[in-house]
Amino acid sequence: MAGLFTSLLFPTQVFTASDNNLICGDENRFSHRKLNSDERDNLCESYSGKVILVVNTASRCAFTGQYEGLANLYSRYRSKGLVV
């Protein structure tokens, strides 16, 4: 009960954990090799604290005209942590 009272008084201690193990679940804790490179990247570490928009499209797809809108969205919100 004392722990609950303390967490209510100091809620930032509950919600600001910087440990990537708490932020990223087990399924997200891995590294992958970057395309055309031997360099590896840990997505959880690289994008921690950012908003990620994943766009799945083919380069010769009829929807490539929407890239301009995505570029505008990124330009507008990248300073707030958006990654496309």
C-alpha atoms as a PDB file:
ATOM      1  CA  MET A   1       0.000   0.000   0.000  1.00  0.00           C
ATOM      2  CA  ALA A   2       2.870   2.372   0.760  1.00  0.00           C
ATOM      3  CA  GLY A   3       4.248   1.740  -2.753  1.00  0.00           C
ATOM      4  CA  LEU A   4       0.915   2.693  -4.305  1.00  0.00           C
ATOM      5  CA  PHE A   5       0.783   5.888  -2.243  1.00  0.00           C
ATOM      6  CA  THR A   6       4.340   6.775  -3.257  1.00  0.00           C
ATOM      7  CA  SER A   7       3.598   6.146  -6.943  1.00  0.00           C
ATOM      8  CA  LEU A   8       0.548   8.402  -6.742  1.00  0.00           C
ATOM      9  CA  LEU A   9       2.648  11.179  -5.224  1.00  0.00           C
ATOM     10  CA  PHE A  10       5.444  10.754  -7.762  1.00  0.00           C
ATOM     11  CA  PRO A  11       3.784   9.458 -10.952  1.00  0.00           C
ATOM     12  CA  THR A  12       6.735  10.426 -13.150  1.00  0.00           C
ATOM     13  CA  GLN A  13       8.736   7.623 -11.575  1.00  0.00           C
ATOM     14  CA  VAL A  14       6.190   5.144 -12.870  1.00  0.00           C
ATOM     15  CA  PHE A  15       5.925   6.393 -16.459  1.00  0.00           C
ATOM     16  CA  THR A  16       9.409   7.616 -17.391  1.00  0.00           C
ATOM     17  CA  ALA A  17      11.347   4.372 -17.379  1.00  0.00           C
ATOM     18  CA  SER A  18      14.358   4.769 -19.641  1.00  0.00           C
ATOM     19  CA  ASP A  19      15.090   1.069 -19.749  1.00  0.00           C
ATOM     20  CA  ASN A  20      14.570  -0.158 -23.322  1.00  0.00           C
ATOM     21  CA  ASN A  21      13.591  -3.560 -21.961  1.00  0.00           C
ATOM     22  CA  LEU A  22      10.495  -1.985 -20.439  1.00  0.00           C
ATOM     23  CA  ILE A  23       9.663   0.160 -23.462  1.00  0.00           C
ATOM     24  CA  CYS A  24      10.273  -2.492 -26.120  1.00  0.00           C
ATOM     25  CA  GLY A  25       8.841  -5.910 -25.530  1.00  0.00           C
ATOM     26  CA  ASP A  26      10.806  -9.097 -26.082  1.00  0.00           C
ATOM     27  CA  GLU A  27       9.540  -9.273 -29.663  1.00  0.00           C
ATOM     28  CA  ASN A  28      11.157  -5.912 -30.489  1.00  0.00           C
ATOM     29  CA  ARG A  29      14.568  -6.416 -28.885  1.00  0.00           C
ATOM     30  CA  PHE A  30      16.684  -7.474 -31.834  1.00  0.00           C
ATOM     31  CA  SER A  31      19.097  -5.997 -34.314  1.00  0.00           C
ATOM     32  CA  HIS A  32      19.030  -6.318 -38.068  1.00  0.00           C
ATOM     33  CA  ARG A  33      21.553  -5.758 -40.829  1.00  0.00           C
ATOM     34  CA  LYS A  34      21.069  -2.546 -42.791  1.00  0.00           C
ATOM     35  CA  LEU A  35      20.493  -2.937 -46.522  1.00  0.00           C
ATOM     36  CA  ASN A  36      23.670  -3.023 -48.621  1.00  0.00           C
ATOM     37  CA  SER A  37      25.793  -2.822 -45.471  1.00  0.00           C
ATOM     38  CA  ASP A  38      27.424  -4.996 -42.848  1.00  0.00           C
ATOM     39  CA  GLU A  39      26.331  -2.488 -40.192  1.00  0.00           C
ATOM     40  CA  ARG A  40      23.705  -3.648 -37.695  1.00  0.00           C
ATOM     41  CA  ASP A  41      20.957  -1.541 -36.150  1.00  0.00           C
ATOM     42  CA  ASN A  42      18.779  -2.019 -33.058  1.00  0.00           C
ATOM     43  CA  LEU A  43      15.411  -0.482 -33.913  1.00  0.00           C
ATOM     44  CA  CYS A  44      14.347  -0.129 -30.297  1.00  0.00           C
ATOM     45  CA  GLU A  45      17.437   1.899 -29.454  1.00  0.00           C
ATOM     46  CA  SER A  46      17.423   3.900 -32.691  1.00  0.00           C
ATOM     47  CA  TYR A  47      13.791   4.986 -32.500  1.00  0.00           C
ATOM     48  CA  SER A  48      13.122   5.064 -28.759  1.00  0.00           C
ATOM     49  CA  GLY A  49      10.828   7.965 -27.879  1.00  0.00           C
ATOM     50  CA  LYS A  50       9.802   8.614 -31.491  1.00  0.00           C
ATOM     51  CA  VAL A  51       6.523   8.203 -33.342  1.00  0.00           C
ATOM     52  CA  ILE A  52       7.034   5.810 -36.256  1.00  0.00           C
ATOM     53  CA  LEU A  53       4.891   5.668 -39.390  1.00  0.00           C
ATOM     54  CA  VAL A  54       5.697   2.596 -41.471  1.00  0.00           C
ATOM     55  CA  VAL A  55       4.713   2.838 -45.135  1.00  0.00           C
ATOM     56  CA  ASN A  56       4.704  -0.421 -47.060  1.00  0.00           C
ATOM     57  CA  THR A  57       4.712   0.218 -50.793  1.00  0.00           C
ATOM     58  CA  ALA A  58       6.514  -0.866 -53.934  1.00  0.00           C
ATOM     59  CA  SER A  59       8.664   1.638 -55.804  1.00  0.00           C
ATOM     60  CA  ARG A  60       6.685   1.143 -59.024  1.00  0.00           C
ATOM     61  CA  CYS A  61       3.325   1.185 -57.315  1.00  0.00           C
ATOM     62  CA  ALA A  62       0.511   3.452 -58.526  1.00  0.00           C
ATOM     63  CA  PHE A  63       0.455   5.126 -55.105  1.00  0.00           C
ATOM     64  CA  THR A  64       3.921   6.727 -55.353  1.00  0.00           C
ATOM     65  CA  GLY A  65       2.166  10.064 -55.863  1.00  0.00           C
ATOM     66  CA  GLN A  66       1.377   9.957 -52.161  1.00  0.00           C
ATOM     67  CA  TYR A  67       5.077  10.298 -51.318  1.00  0.00           C
ATOM     68  CA  GLU A  68       4.728  14.071 -51.568  1.00  0.00           C
ATOM     69  CA  GLY A  69       2.100  14.036 -48.828  1.00  0.00           C
ATOM     70  CA  LEU A  70       4.289  11.806 -46.660  1.00  0.00           C
ATOM     71  CA  ALA A  71       7.240  14.147 -47.202  1.00  0.00           C
ATOM     72  CA  ASN A  72       5.078  17.105 -46.147  1.00  0.00           C
ATOM     73  CA  LEU A  73       3.851  15.226 -43.078  1.00  0.00           C
ATOM     74  CA  TYR A  74       7.424  14.373 -42.120  1.00  0.00           C
ATOM     75  CA  SER A  75       8.605  17.963 -42.649  1.00  0.00           C
ATOM     76  CA  ARG A  76       5.809  19.246 -40.450  1.00  0.00           C
ATOM     77  CA  TYR A  77       6.240  16.817 -37.524  1.00  0.00           C
ATOM     78  CA  ARG A  78       9.855  15.599 -37.581  1.00  0.00           C
ATOM     79  CA  SER A  79      10.835  18.121 -34.906  1.00  0.00           C
ATOM     80  CA  LYS A  80       8.290  16.409 -32.628  1.00  0.00           C
ATOM     81  CA  GLY A  81       9.831  12.969 -33.185  1.00  0.00           C
ATOM     82  CA  LEU A  82       7.985  11.634 -36.246  1.00  0.00           C
ATOM     83  CA  VAL A  83       9.874   9.101 -38.329  1.00  0.00           C
ATOM     84  CA  VAL A  84       8.470   7.893 -41.670  1.00  0.00           C
END
